[in-house]
N, C-alpha and C. Protein backbone atom coordinates (compact mmCIF):
# COMPACT_ATOMS: atom_id res chain seq x y z
N UNK A 1 -69.73 31.16 -35.85
CA UNK A 1 -70.05 31.43 -34.46
C UNK A 1 -69.18 30.53 -33.60
N UNK A 2 -68.81 31.01 -32.43
CA UNK A 2 -67.99 30.20 -31.55
C UNK A 2 -68.84 29.15 -30.87
N UNK A 3 -68.22 28.06 -30.51
CA UNK A 3 -68.89 26.96 -29.85
C UNK A 3 -68.35 26.83 -28.44
N UNK A 4 -69.16 26.26 -27.54
CA UNK A 4 -68.66 26.07 -26.17
C UNK A 4 -67.43 25.16 -26.15
N UNK A 5 -66.52 25.48 -25.28
CA UNK A 5 -65.32 24.68 -25.06
C UNK A 5 -65.72 23.59 -24.07
N UNK A 6 -65.88 22.35 -24.57
CA UNK A 6 -66.42 21.27 -23.74
C UNK A 6 -65.50 20.94 -22.57
N UNK A 7 -64.21 21.14 -22.72
CA UNK A 7 -63.28 20.81 -21.64
C UNK A 7 -63.44 21.73 -20.45
N UNK A 8 -63.70 23.03 -20.70
CA UNK A 8 -63.78 24.00 -19.62
C UNK A 8 -65.19 24.52 -19.38
N UNK A 9 -66.15 24.16 -20.23
CA UNK A 9 -67.51 24.61 -20.05
C UNK A 9 -67.71 26.09 -20.33
N UNK A 10 -66.81 26.70 -21.05
CA UNK A 10 -66.92 28.12 -21.38
C UNK A 10 -66.96 28.29 -22.89
N UNK A 11 -67.37 29.46 -23.32
CA UNK A 11 -67.40 29.73 -24.76
C UNK A 11 -65.97 29.78 -25.29
N UNK A 12 -65.80 29.28 -26.49
CA UNK A 12 -64.48 29.26 -27.13
C UNK A 12 -64.04 30.67 -27.50
N UNK A 13 -62.77 30.82 -27.73
CA UNK A 13 -62.21 32.11 -28.14
C UNK A 13 -62.32 32.25 -29.65
N UNK A 14 -62.53 33.47 -30.10
CA UNK A 14 -62.60 33.79 -31.52
C UNK A 14 -61.42 34.67 -31.86
N UNK A 15 -60.52 34.16 -32.69
CA UNK A 15 -59.33 34.93 -33.05
C UNK A 15 -59.66 36.13 -33.92
N UNK A 16 -60.71 36.02 -34.71
CA UNK A 16 -61.06 37.05 -35.68
C UNK A 16 -62.08 38.03 -35.10
N UNK A 17 -61.70 38.70 -34.01
CA UNK A 17 -62.55 39.72 -33.39
C UNK A 17 -61.79 41.05 -33.42
N UNK A 18 -62.53 42.15 -33.33
CA UNK A 18 -61.93 43.48 -33.45
C UNK A 18 -62.41 44.39 -32.32
N UNK A 19 -61.52 45.25 -31.86
CA UNK A 19 -61.84 46.24 -30.84
C UNK A 19 -62.04 47.59 -31.50
N UNK A 20 -63.14 48.25 -31.18
CA UNK A 20 -63.47 49.59 -31.67
C UNK A 20 -63.45 50.53 -30.48
N UNK A 21 -62.65 51.60 -30.57
CA UNK A 21 -62.61 52.54 -29.45
C UNK A 21 -62.40 53.97 -29.95
N UNK A 22 -63.03 54.89 -29.24
CA UNK A 22 -62.86 56.32 -29.50
C UNK A 22 -61.66 56.81 -28.70
N UNK A 23 -61.03 57.88 -29.18
CA UNK A 23 -59.86 58.43 -28.49
C UNK A 23 -59.73 59.91 -28.83
N UNK A 24 -58.78 60.55 -28.20
CA UNK A 24 -58.52 61.96 -28.51
C UNK A 24 -58.18 62.08 -29.99
N UNK A 25 -58.74 63.06 -30.66
CA UNK A 25 -58.47 63.21 -32.09
C UNK A 25 -57.01 63.55 -32.38
N UNK A 26 -56.56 63.10 -33.53
CA UNK A 26 -55.24 63.47 -34.03
C UNK A 26 -55.33 63.59 -35.55
N UNK A 27 -54.33 64.24 -36.12
CA UNK A 27 -54.24 64.43 -37.57
C UNK A 27 -53.01 63.68 -38.05
N UNK A 28 -53.19 62.65 -38.89
CA UNK A 28 -52.06 61.81 -39.28
C UNK A 28 -51.06 62.47 -40.22
N UNK A 29 -51.38 63.62 -40.78
CA UNK A 29 -50.45 64.28 -41.67
C UNK A 29 -51.00 65.61 -42.13
N UNK A 30 -50.21 66.35 -42.89
CA UNK A 30 -50.67 67.64 -43.40
C UNK A 30 -51.92 67.47 -44.25
N UNK A 31 -52.87 68.34 -44.06
CA UNK A 31 -54.12 68.35 -44.81
C UNK A 31 -54.95 67.08 -44.61
N UNK A 32 -54.62 66.31 -43.59
CA UNK A 32 -55.37 65.09 -43.31
C UNK A 32 -56.59 65.40 -42.45
N UNK A 33 -57.57 64.54 -42.54
CA UNK A 33 -58.76 64.69 -41.72
C UNK A 33 -58.50 64.13 -40.32
N UNK A 34 -59.23 64.64 -39.36
CA UNK A 34 -59.13 64.20 -37.98
C UNK A 34 -59.45 62.72 -37.86
N UNK A 35 -58.66 62.02 -37.06
CA UNK A 35 -58.91 60.63 -36.72
C UNK A 35 -59.32 60.62 -35.25
N UNK A 36 -60.51 60.05 -34.94
CA UNK A 36 -60.98 60.07 -33.55
C UNK A 36 -61.46 58.71 -33.05
N UNK A 37 -61.37 57.70 -33.90
CA UNK A 37 -61.85 56.37 -33.55
C UNK A 37 -60.99 55.35 -34.30
N UNK A 38 -60.72 54.22 -33.66
CA UNK A 38 -59.85 53.22 -34.27
C UNK A 38 -60.43 51.83 -34.07
N UNK A 39 -60.20 50.97 -35.07
CA UNK A 39 -60.55 49.55 -35.00
C UNK A 39 -59.24 48.77 -35.16
N UNK A 40 -58.98 47.87 -34.22
CA UNK A 40 -57.79 47.02 -34.31
C UNK A 40 -58.19 45.56 -34.14
N UNK A 41 -57.42 44.67 -34.73
CA UNK A 41 -57.62 43.24 -34.52
C UNK A 41 -57.32 42.90 -33.07
N UNK A 42 -58.04 41.92 -32.55
CA UNK A 42 -57.86 41.53 -31.14
C UNK A 42 -56.41 41.22 -30.82
N UNK A 43 -55.70 40.56 -31.74
CA UNK A 43 -54.31 40.19 -31.46
C UNK A 43 -53.39 41.38 -31.29
N UNK A 44 -53.82 42.57 -31.72
CA UNK A 44 -53.01 43.78 -31.49
C UNK A 44 -52.83 44.03 -30.00
N UNK A 45 -53.78 43.57 -29.19
CA UNK A 45 -53.71 43.75 -27.74
C UNK A 45 -52.57 42.95 -27.11
N UNK A 46 -52.01 42.02 -27.86
CA UNK A 46 -50.91 41.18 -27.36
C UNK A 46 -49.54 41.79 -27.65
N UNK A 47 -49.51 42.93 -28.32
CA UNK A 47 -48.24 43.55 -28.72
C UNK A 47 -47.36 43.80 -27.49
N UNK A 48 -46.10 43.49 -27.64
CA UNK A 48 -45.16 43.59 -26.51
C UNK A 48 -44.96 45.01 -26.01
N UNK A 49 -45.27 46.02 -26.83
CA UNK A 49 -45.08 47.40 -26.39
C UNK A 49 -46.30 47.96 -25.65
N UNK A 50 -47.35 47.16 -25.52
CA UNK A 50 -48.50 47.58 -24.74
C UNK A 50 -48.32 47.14 -23.29
N UNK A 51 -49.04 47.79 -22.41
CA UNK A 51 -49.03 47.41 -21.00
C UNK A 51 -49.53 45.96 -20.89
N UNK A 52 -48.67 45.10 -20.35
CA UNK A 52 -49.03 43.70 -20.17
C UNK A 52 -48.89 43.37 -18.68
N UNK A 53 -49.70 42.53 -18.13
CA UNK A 53 -50.62 41.61 -18.78
C UNK A 53 -51.99 42.22 -19.11
N UNK A 54 -52.16 43.53 -18.92
CA UNK A 54 -53.46 44.15 -19.15
C UNK A 54 -53.97 43.93 -20.57
N UNK A 55 -53.10 44.12 -21.57
CA UNK A 55 -53.51 43.92 -22.96
C UNK A 55 -53.96 42.49 -23.20
N UNK A 56 -53.27 41.54 -22.60
CA UNK A 56 -53.63 40.13 -22.75
C UNK A 56 -54.98 39.84 -22.11
N UNK A 57 -55.23 40.41 -20.96
CA UNK A 57 -56.52 40.19 -20.28
C UNK A 57 -57.67 40.81 -21.08
N UNK A 58 -57.44 41.99 -21.64
CA UNK A 58 -58.47 42.62 -22.47
C UNK A 58 -58.70 41.76 -23.72
N UNK A 59 -57.62 41.26 -24.29
CA UNK A 59 -57.71 40.35 -25.45
C UNK A 59 -58.58 39.15 -25.10
N UNK A 60 -58.34 38.55 -23.94
CA UNK A 60 -59.12 37.37 -23.53
C UNK A 60 -60.60 37.72 -23.41
N UNK A 61 -60.91 38.86 -22.82
CA UNK A 61 -62.30 39.30 -22.70
C UNK A 61 -62.91 39.58 -24.07
N UNK A 62 -62.14 40.21 -24.93
CA UNK A 62 -62.61 40.58 -26.27
C UNK A 62 -62.91 39.38 -27.14
N UNK A 63 -62.15 38.31 -26.98
CA UNK A 63 -62.28 37.16 -27.88
C UNK A 63 -63.15 36.04 -27.31
N UNK A 64 -63.57 36.15 -26.07
CA UNK A 64 -64.36 35.09 -25.44
C UNK A 64 -65.80 35.10 -25.93
N UNK A 65 -66.21 34.02 -26.62
CA UNK A 65 -67.60 33.84 -27.01
C UNK A 65 -68.09 34.79 -28.08
N UNK A 66 -67.22 35.31 -28.94
CA UNK A 66 -67.62 36.24 -30.00
C UNK A 66 -67.81 35.51 -31.32
N UNK A 67 -68.52 36.18 -32.23
CA UNK A 67 -68.67 35.67 -33.59
C UNK A 67 -67.44 36.07 -34.40
N UNK A 68 -66.99 35.22 -35.31
CA UNK A 68 -65.86 35.60 -36.17
C UNK A 68 -66.17 36.89 -36.93
N UNK A 69 -65.22 37.80 -36.92
CA UNK A 69 -65.38 39.07 -37.63
C UNK A 69 -66.11 40.13 -36.84
N UNK A 70 -66.53 39.82 -35.62
CA UNK A 70 -67.32 40.77 -34.83
C UNK A 70 -66.48 41.96 -34.39
N UNK A 71 -67.06 43.15 -34.50
CA UNK A 71 -66.44 44.38 -34.01
C UNK A 71 -67.09 44.70 -32.67
N UNK A 72 -66.28 44.75 -31.63
CA UNK A 72 -66.80 44.98 -30.28
C UNK A 72 -66.32 46.35 -29.80
N UNK A 73 -67.24 47.28 -29.57
CA UNK A 73 -66.84 48.57 -29.01
C UNK A 73 -66.33 48.41 -27.58
N UNK A 74 -65.40 49.25 -27.21
CA UNK A 74 -64.90 49.27 -25.84
C UNK A 74 -66.06 49.44 -24.85
N UNK A 75 -67.06 50.23 -25.23
CA UNK A 75 -68.22 50.44 -24.35
C UNK A 75 -68.97 49.14 -24.09
N UNK A 76 -68.95 48.21 -25.04
CA UNK A 76 -69.60 46.91 -24.83
C UNK A 76 -68.85 46.12 -23.76
N UNK A 77 -67.51 46.16 -23.83
CA UNK A 77 -66.73 45.49 -22.79
C UNK A 77 -67.01 46.12 -21.43
N UNK A 78 -67.10 47.44 -21.39
CA UNK A 78 -67.41 48.14 -20.14
C UNK A 78 -68.77 47.68 -19.61
N UNK A 79 -69.75 47.58 -20.49
CA UNK A 79 -71.09 47.10 -20.11
C UNK A 79 -71.00 45.69 -19.52
N UNK A 80 -70.22 44.83 -20.17
CA UNK A 80 -70.07 43.45 -19.70
C UNK A 80 -69.33 43.37 -18.37
N UNK A 81 -68.57 44.39 -18.06
CA UNK A 81 -67.79 44.41 -16.82
C UNK A 81 -68.52 45.21 -15.74
N UNK A 82 -69.81 44.92 -15.59
CA UNK A 82 -70.59 45.54 -14.53
C UNK A 82 -70.53 47.06 -14.61
N UNK A 83 -70.82 47.57 -15.81
CA UNK A 83 -70.80 49.01 -16.09
C UNK A 83 -69.44 49.64 -15.78
N UNK A 84 -68.39 48.84 -15.93
CA UNK A 84 -67.03 49.34 -15.72
C UNK A 84 -66.47 49.09 -14.34
N UNK A 85 -67.31 48.70 -13.40
CA UNK A 85 -66.84 48.47 -12.02
C UNK A 85 -65.79 47.37 -11.94
N UNK A 86 -65.82 46.44 -12.89
CA UNK A 86 -64.87 45.32 -12.86
C UNK A 86 -63.64 45.53 -13.73
N UNK A 87 -63.49 46.71 -14.35
CA UNK A 87 -62.28 46.95 -15.14
C UNK A 87 -61.00 46.75 -14.33
N UNK A 88 -60.94 47.15 -13.06
CA UNK A 88 -59.69 46.94 -12.32
C UNK A 88 -59.25 45.48 -12.24
N UNK A 89 -60.18 44.54 -12.35
CA UNK A 89 -59.79 43.12 -12.32
C UNK A 89 -59.24 42.66 -13.66
N UNK A 90 -59.50 43.44 -14.73
CA UNK A 90 -59.03 43.07 -16.07
C UNK A 90 -57.76 43.83 -16.41
N UNK A 91 -57.82 45.15 -16.31
CA UNK A 91 -56.64 45.94 -16.65
C UNK A 91 -56.96 47.40 -16.86
N UNK A 92 -55.94 48.15 -17.15
CA UNK A 92 -56.03 49.60 -17.37
C UNK A 92 -56.33 49.86 -18.84
N UNK A 93 -57.62 49.88 -19.17
CA UNK A 93 -58.03 50.06 -20.57
C UNK A 93 -57.56 51.39 -21.14
N UNK A 94 -57.46 52.42 -20.31
CA UNK A 94 -57.01 53.73 -20.82
C UNK A 94 -55.57 53.68 -21.30
N UNK A 95 -54.70 53.06 -20.52
CA UNK A 95 -53.29 52.95 -20.93
C UNK A 95 -53.14 52.03 -22.13
N UNK A 96 -53.91 50.97 -22.17
CA UNK A 96 -53.80 50.03 -23.29
C UNK A 96 -54.29 50.69 -24.58
N UNK A 97 -55.44 51.37 -24.55
CA UNK A 97 -55.93 52.01 -25.77
C UNK A 97 -55.05 53.18 -26.18
N UNK A 98 -54.50 53.91 -25.23
CA UNK A 98 -53.54 54.98 -25.58
C UNK A 98 -52.31 54.38 -26.26
N UNK A 99 -51.85 53.25 -25.75
CA UNK A 99 -50.73 52.56 -26.36
C UNK A 99 -51.06 52.07 -27.77
N UNK A 100 -52.29 51.60 -27.96
CA UNK A 100 -52.71 51.17 -29.30
C UNK A 100 -52.68 52.33 -30.29
N UNK A 101 -53.16 53.49 -29.86
CA UNK A 101 -53.14 54.67 -30.74
C UNK A 101 -51.70 54.99 -31.13
N UNK A 102 -50.78 54.91 -30.18
CA UNK A 102 -49.37 55.18 -30.50
C UNK A 102 -48.82 54.16 -31.49
N UNK A 103 -49.16 52.90 -31.31
CA UNK A 103 -48.72 51.88 -32.26
C UNK A 103 -49.28 52.14 -33.66
N UNK A 104 -50.55 52.52 -33.72
CA UNK A 104 -51.18 52.82 -35.01
C UNK A 104 -50.49 54.01 -35.67
N UNK A 105 -50.25 55.06 -34.90
CA UNK A 105 -49.62 56.26 -35.46
C UNK A 105 -48.21 55.99 -35.96
N UNK A 106 -47.51 55.03 -35.34
CA UNK A 106 -46.16 54.66 -35.78
C UNK A 106 -46.19 53.52 -36.79
N UNK A 107 -47.40 53.15 -37.21
CA UNK A 107 -47.62 52.07 -38.18
C UNK A 107 -46.99 50.76 -37.72
N UNK A 108 -47.15 50.47 -36.43
CA UNK A 108 -46.62 49.24 -35.86
C UNK A 108 -47.70 48.19 -35.65
N UNK A 109 -48.95 48.52 -36.01
CA UNK A 109 -50.01 47.51 -36.03
C UNK A 109 -51.06 47.94 -37.05
N UNK A 110 -51.71 46.96 -37.62
CA UNK A 110 -52.76 47.25 -38.60
C UNK A 110 -53.98 47.80 -37.88
N UNK A 111 -54.61 48.77 -38.51
CA UNK A 111 -55.78 49.39 -37.91
C UNK A 111 -56.62 50.05 -38.98
N UNK A 112 -57.86 50.26 -38.64
CA UNK A 112 -58.74 51.07 -39.44
C UNK A 112 -58.96 52.35 -38.64
N UNK A 113 -58.45 53.45 -39.13
CA UNK A 113 -58.55 54.73 -38.45
C UNK A 113 -59.71 55.52 -39.04
N UNK A 114 -60.59 56.00 -38.19
CA UNK A 114 -61.83 56.62 -38.64
C UNK A 114 -62.02 58.03 -38.10
N UNK A 115 -62.77 58.80 -38.87
CA UNK A 115 -63.26 60.10 -38.40
C UNK A 115 -64.77 59.94 -38.29
N UNK A 116 -65.22 59.64 -37.09
CA UNK A 116 -66.65 59.48 -36.90
C UNK A 116 -67.28 60.84 -36.57
N UNK A 117 -68.46 61.11 -37.11
CA UNK A 117 -69.20 62.30 -36.70
C UNK A 117 -69.55 62.21 -35.22
N UNK A 118 -69.84 63.33 -34.61
CA UNK A 118 -70.06 63.40 -33.16
C UNK A 118 -71.13 62.42 -32.68
N UNK A 119 -72.26 62.36 -33.35
CA UNK A 119 -73.33 61.47 -32.89
C UNK A 119 -72.92 60.00 -33.02
N UNK A 120 -72.30 59.63 -34.13
CA UNK A 120 -71.85 58.25 -34.31
C UNK A 120 -70.82 57.89 -33.25
N UNK A 121 -69.93 58.79 -32.97
CA UNK A 121 -68.90 58.54 -31.94
C UNK A 121 -69.55 58.39 -30.56
N UNK A 122 -70.51 59.24 -30.26
CA UNK A 122 -71.21 59.13 -28.98
C UNK A 122 -71.95 57.79 -28.88
N UNK A 123 -72.53 57.34 -29.98
CA UNK A 123 -73.27 56.08 -29.97
C UNK A 123 -72.36 54.88 -29.71
N UNK A 124 -71.15 54.88 -30.25
CA UNK A 124 -70.27 53.74 -29.98
C UNK A 124 -69.69 53.81 -28.57
N UNK A 125 -69.80 54.98 -27.94
CA UNK A 125 -69.33 55.13 -26.56
C UNK A 125 -70.41 54.80 -25.54
N UNK A 126 -71.62 54.49 -26.02
CA UNK A 126 -72.68 54.04 -25.11
C UNK A 126 -72.69 52.53 -25.12
N UNK A 127 -73.21 51.96 -24.08
CA UNK A 127 -73.30 50.51 -24.00
C UNK A 127 -74.40 49.97 -24.89
N UNK A 128 -74.48 48.64 -24.99
CA UNK A 128 -75.45 48.02 -25.88
C UNK A 128 -76.86 47.90 -25.32
N UNK A 129 -77.10 48.37 -24.12
CA UNK A 129 -78.41 48.20 -23.50
C UNK A 129 -79.55 48.88 -24.23
N UNK A 130 -80.77 48.35 -24.07
CA UNK A 130 -81.94 48.89 -24.78
C UNK A 130 -82.32 50.29 -24.33
N UNK A 131 -81.90 50.69 -23.15
CA UNK A 131 -82.26 52.02 -22.63
C UNK A 131 -81.19 53.07 -22.89
N UNK A 132 -80.07 52.69 -23.47
CA UNK A 132 -79.00 53.65 -23.73
C UNK A 132 -79.36 54.54 -24.91
N UNK A 133 -79.23 55.83 -24.70
CA UNK A 133 -79.60 56.80 -25.72
C UNK A 133 -78.57 57.92 -25.78
N UNK A 134 -78.52 58.55 -26.94
CA UNK A 134 -77.77 59.79 -27.12
C UNK A 134 -78.80 60.83 -27.55
N UNK A 135 -78.81 61.94 -26.85
CA UNK A 135 -79.77 63.00 -27.16
C UNK A 135 -79.00 64.19 -27.73
N UNK A 136 -79.52 64.73 -28.81
CA UNK A 136 -78.89 65.88 -29.46
C UNK A 136 -79.94 66.97 -29.64
N UNK A 137 -79.60 68.15 -29.17
CA UNK A 137 -80.51 69.29 -29.29
C UNK A 137 -79.98 70.25 -30.34
N UNK A 138 -80.83 70.61 -31.27
CA UNK A 138 -80.51 71.59 -32.30
C UNK A 138 -81.12 72.92 -31.86
N UNK A 139 -80.30 73.83 -31.31
CA UNK A 139 -80.87 75.09 -30.79
C UNK A 139 -81.48 75.97 -31.88
N UNK A 140 -80.94 75.90 -33.09
CA UNK A 140 -81.48 76.73 -34.17
C UNK A 140 -82.90 76.29 -34.54
N UNK A 141 -83.11 75.00 -34.56
CA UNK A 141 -84.43 74.48 -34.91
C UNK A 141 -85.30 74.24 -33.68
N UNK A 142 -84.68 74.26 -32.49
CA UNK A 142 -85.42 73.98 -31.27
C UNK A 142 -85.89 72.54 -31.18
N UNK A 143 -85.14 71.61 -31.80
CA UNK A 143 -85.54 70.21 -31.85
C UNK A 143 -84.58 69.31 -31.09
N UNK A 144 -85.16 68.35 -30.41
CA UNK A 144 -84.39 67.33 -29.72
C UNK A 144 -84.49 66.03 -30.51
N UNK A 145 -83.37 65.42 -30.81
CA UNK A 145 -83.35 64.13 -31.50
C UNK A 145 -82.77 63.11 -30.53
N UNK A 146 -83.45 61.98 -30.42
CA UNK A 146 -82.99 60.90 -29.55
C UNK A 146 -82.53 59.74 -30.43
N UNK A 147 -81.29 59.30 -30.20
CA UNK A 147 -80.71 58.17 -30.92
C UNK A 147 -80.61 57.01 -29.95
N UNK A 148 -80.94 55.81 -30.41
CA UNK A 148 -80.94 54.64 -29.53
C UNK A 148 -80.18 53.46 -30.07
N UNK A 149 -80.51 52.28 -29.56
CA UNK A 149 -79.79 51.06 -29.93
C UNK A 149 -79.81 50.75 -31.43
N UNK A 150 -80.90 51.04 -32.12
CA UNK A 150 -80.94 50.79 -33.56
C UNK A 150 -79.95 51.69 -34.30
N UNK A 151 -79.81 52.93 -33.84
CA UNK A 151 -78.85 53.85 -34.45
C UNK A 151 -77.42 53.38 -34.18
N UNK A 152 -77.18 52.87 -32.97
CA UNK A 152 -75.86 52.34 -32.61
C UNK A 152 -75.53 51.15 -33.52
N UNK A 153 -76.50 50.25 -33.70
CA UNK A 153 -76.29 49.09 -34.57
C UNK A 153 -75.99 49.53 -36.00
N UNK A 154 -76.65 50.58 -36.45
CA UNK A 154 -76.40 51.08 -37.81
C UNK A 154 -74.97 51.62 -37.94
N UNK A 155 -74.50 52.33 -36.92
CA UNK A 155 -73.12 52.85 -36.94
C UNK A 155 -72.14 51.68 -37.01
N UNK A 156 -72.36 50.66 -36.19
CA UNK A 156 -71.46 49.50 -36.20
C UNK A 156 -71.49 48.79 -37.55
N UNK A 157 -72.65 48.69 -38.15
CA UNK A 157 -72.75 48.06 -39.47
C UNK A 157 -72.00 48.88 -40.51
N UNK A 158 -72.09 50.21 -40.41
CA UNK A 158 -71.39 51.07 -41.37
C UNK A 158 -69.88 51.00 -41.17
N UNK A 159 -69.43 50.90 -39.92
CA UNK A 159 -67.99 50.76 -39.67
C UNK A 159 -67.49 49.48 -40.33
N UNK A 160 -68.26 48.40 -40.23
CA UNK A 160 -67.86 47.14 -40.82
C UNK A 160 -67.69 47.25 -42.33
N UNK A 161 -68.47 48.13 -42.97
CA UNK A 161 -68.45 48.23 -44.43
C UNK A 161 -67.65 49.41 -44.97
N UNK A 162 -66.85 50.05 -44.14
CA UNK A 162 -66.02 51.17 -44.59
C UNK A 162 -64.90 50.63 -45.47
N UNK A 163 -64.66 51.24 -46.63
CA UNK A 163 -63.53 50.81 -47.45
C UNK A 163 -62.21 51.11 -46.74
N UNK A 164 -61.18 50.37 -47.07
CA UNK A 164 -59.90 50.50 -46.36
C UNK A 164 -58.81 51.06 -47.26
N UNK A 165 -58.96 52.26 -47.80
CA UNK A 165 -57.91 52.82 -48.66
C UNK A 165 -56.72 53.30 -47.83
N UNK A 166 -55.60 53.51 -48.48
CA UNK A 166 -54.47 54.19 -47.86
C UNK A 166 -54.06 53.60 -46.51
N UNK A 167 -53.63 52.34 -46.53
CA UNK A 167 -53.14 51.69 -45.31
C UNK A 167 -54.16 51.67 -44.18
N UNK A 168 -55.40 51.42 -44.48
CA UNK A 168 -56.39 51.27 -43.44
C UNK A 168 -57.02 52.57 -42.97
N UNK A 169 -56.59 53.70 -43.48
CA UNK A 169 -57.20 54.96 -43.07
C UNK A 169 -58.48 55.14 -43.86
N UNK A 170 -59.53 55.50 -43.19
CA UNK A 170 -60.81 55.69 -43.87
C UNK A 170 -61.62 56.73 -43.11
N UNK A 171 -62.63 57.19 -43.74
CA UNK A 171 -63.51 58.17 -43.13
C UNK A 171 -64.94 57.68 -43.23
N UNK A 172 -65.62 57.69 -42.12
CA UNK A 172 -67.04 57.37 -42.11
C UNK A 172 -67.77 58.70 -42.12
N UNK A 173 -68.49 58.94 -43.17
CA UNK A 173 -69.16 60.23 -43.32
C UNK A 173 -70.46 60.26 -42.57
N UNK A 174 -70.89 61.44 -42.23
CA UNK A 174 -72.16 61.62 -41.53
C UNK A 174 -73.29 61.15 -42.44
N UNK A 175 -74.33 60.65 -41.81
CA UNK A 175 -75.45 60.18 -42.62
C UNK A 175 -76.34 61.32 -43.01
């Protein structure tokens, strides 16, 4: 766990943090499965081919006061930034994450590329708040299923335990 930085009175930075973000799906090769979510090490945000200083500012936010090895969804950063209202003071997250996807596709940074099922992907796109929910209606059965924070935590735990075959490409299967 990170400790407070006594000199500045703020939480210390954690180098071993990861950013998890959903993006437009792509297919990395013939007969490959769709990739729609990516995990990158925080230091990937410092890459010179990303929009800077935006990547550096997002890196600083991502690594401030985190536990070593923690995977932080982009939605969590948005939650921490006043529900996204403060993103303009940090940077253009859309351009930075689009740039990260391009780096991953060109194998210019290490990443874990995932195919998350729709509900899992929706859950990582919600913030960490106790009232955040994803609702799914099954018209054939006429049933509504509500997924909440515990389901989101389960998805994050499963992402952490995904095997990393084939240069970091992996698939998280539906539960």
